[in-house]
Protein backbone atom coordinates (compact mmCIF):
# COMPACT_ATOMS: atom_id res chain seq x y z
CA MET A 1 -16.51 -72.67 0.02
CA GLY A 2 -12.72 -72.84 -0.33
CA ARG A 3 -12.30 -69.08 -0.13
CA THR A 4 -14.40 -68.91 3.01
CA ILE A 5 -12.22 -71.47 4.75
CA ARG A 6 -9.06 -69.72 3.55
CA ASN A 7 -10.31 -66.34 4.83
CA ARG A 8 -11.32 -67.75 8.20
CA THR A 9 -7.96 -69.49 8.49
CA GLN A 10 -6.22 -66.19 7.81
CA THR A 11 -8.32 -64.49 10.48
CA VAL A 12 -7.61 -67.18 13.07
CA THR A 13 -3.90 -67.23 12.19
CA GLY A 14 -3.84 -63.47 12.62
CA ARG A 15 -5.43 -63.72 16.05
CA ILE A 16 -2.88 -66.33 17.11
CA LYS A 17 0.05 -64.27 15.81
CA GLU A 18 -1.27 -61.18 17.53
CA TYR A 19 -1.69 -63.04 20.82
CA VAL A 20 1.77 -64.61 20.65
CA GLY A 21 3.30 -61.26 19.76
CA ARG A 22 1.58 -59.64 22.71
CA ALA A 23 2.65 -62.43 25.07
CA THR A 24 6.29 -62.33 23.97
CA GLY A 25 6.53 -58.57 23.53
CA ASN A 26 7.26 -58.96 19.81
CA ARG A 27 5.69 -55.90 18.21
CA ARG A 28 6.43 -57.01 14.65
CA LEU A 29 4.55 -60.27 15.17
CA GLN A 30 1.73 -58.34 16.80
CA ARG A 31 1.44 -56.03 13.77
CA GLU A 32 1.56 -58.95 11.33
CA GLY A 33 -1.18 -60.71 13.27
CA ARG A 34 -3.37 -57.63 13.32
CA ALA A 35 -2.87 -57.14 9.57
CA ASP A 36 -3.72 -60.79 8.84
CA ARG A 37 -6.79 -60.65 11.05
CA VAL A 38 -8.11 -57.46 9.45
CA ALA A 39 -7.39 -58.71 5.93
CA GLY A 40 -9.21 -61.97 6.61
CA ASN A 41 -12.20 -60.12 8.02
CA LEU A 42 -12.35 -57.78 5.02
CA LYS A 43 -12.21 -60.69 2.61
CA GLN A 44 -14.98 -62.45 4.51
CA SER A 45 -17.11 -59.30 4.35
CA GLY A 46 -16.51 -59.09 0.62
CA GLU A 47 -17.63 -62.68 0.19
CA HIS A 48 -20.79 -62.00 2.23
CA VAL A 49 -21.66 -59.02 0.05
CA LYS A 50 -20.98 -60.99 -3.12
CA ASN A 51 -23.17 -63.86 -1.89
CA ALA A 52 -25.96 -61.47 -0.93
CA PHE A 53 -26.19 -60.22 -4.51
CA LYS A 54 -26.08 -63.74 -5.94
CA HIS A 55 -29.20 -64.89 -4.08
């Protein structure tokens, strides 16, 4: 449960960073946000796969 929340938090944080970067024209912040969002989504997918094989 803790990992799921952490992964979702990373995804949401990434979306916020990406949005703020886009709004301010800060490309570095935009890239960081995109990377965080993608990493969070990949981790969530990994957890889903792991849970599918557990049950």
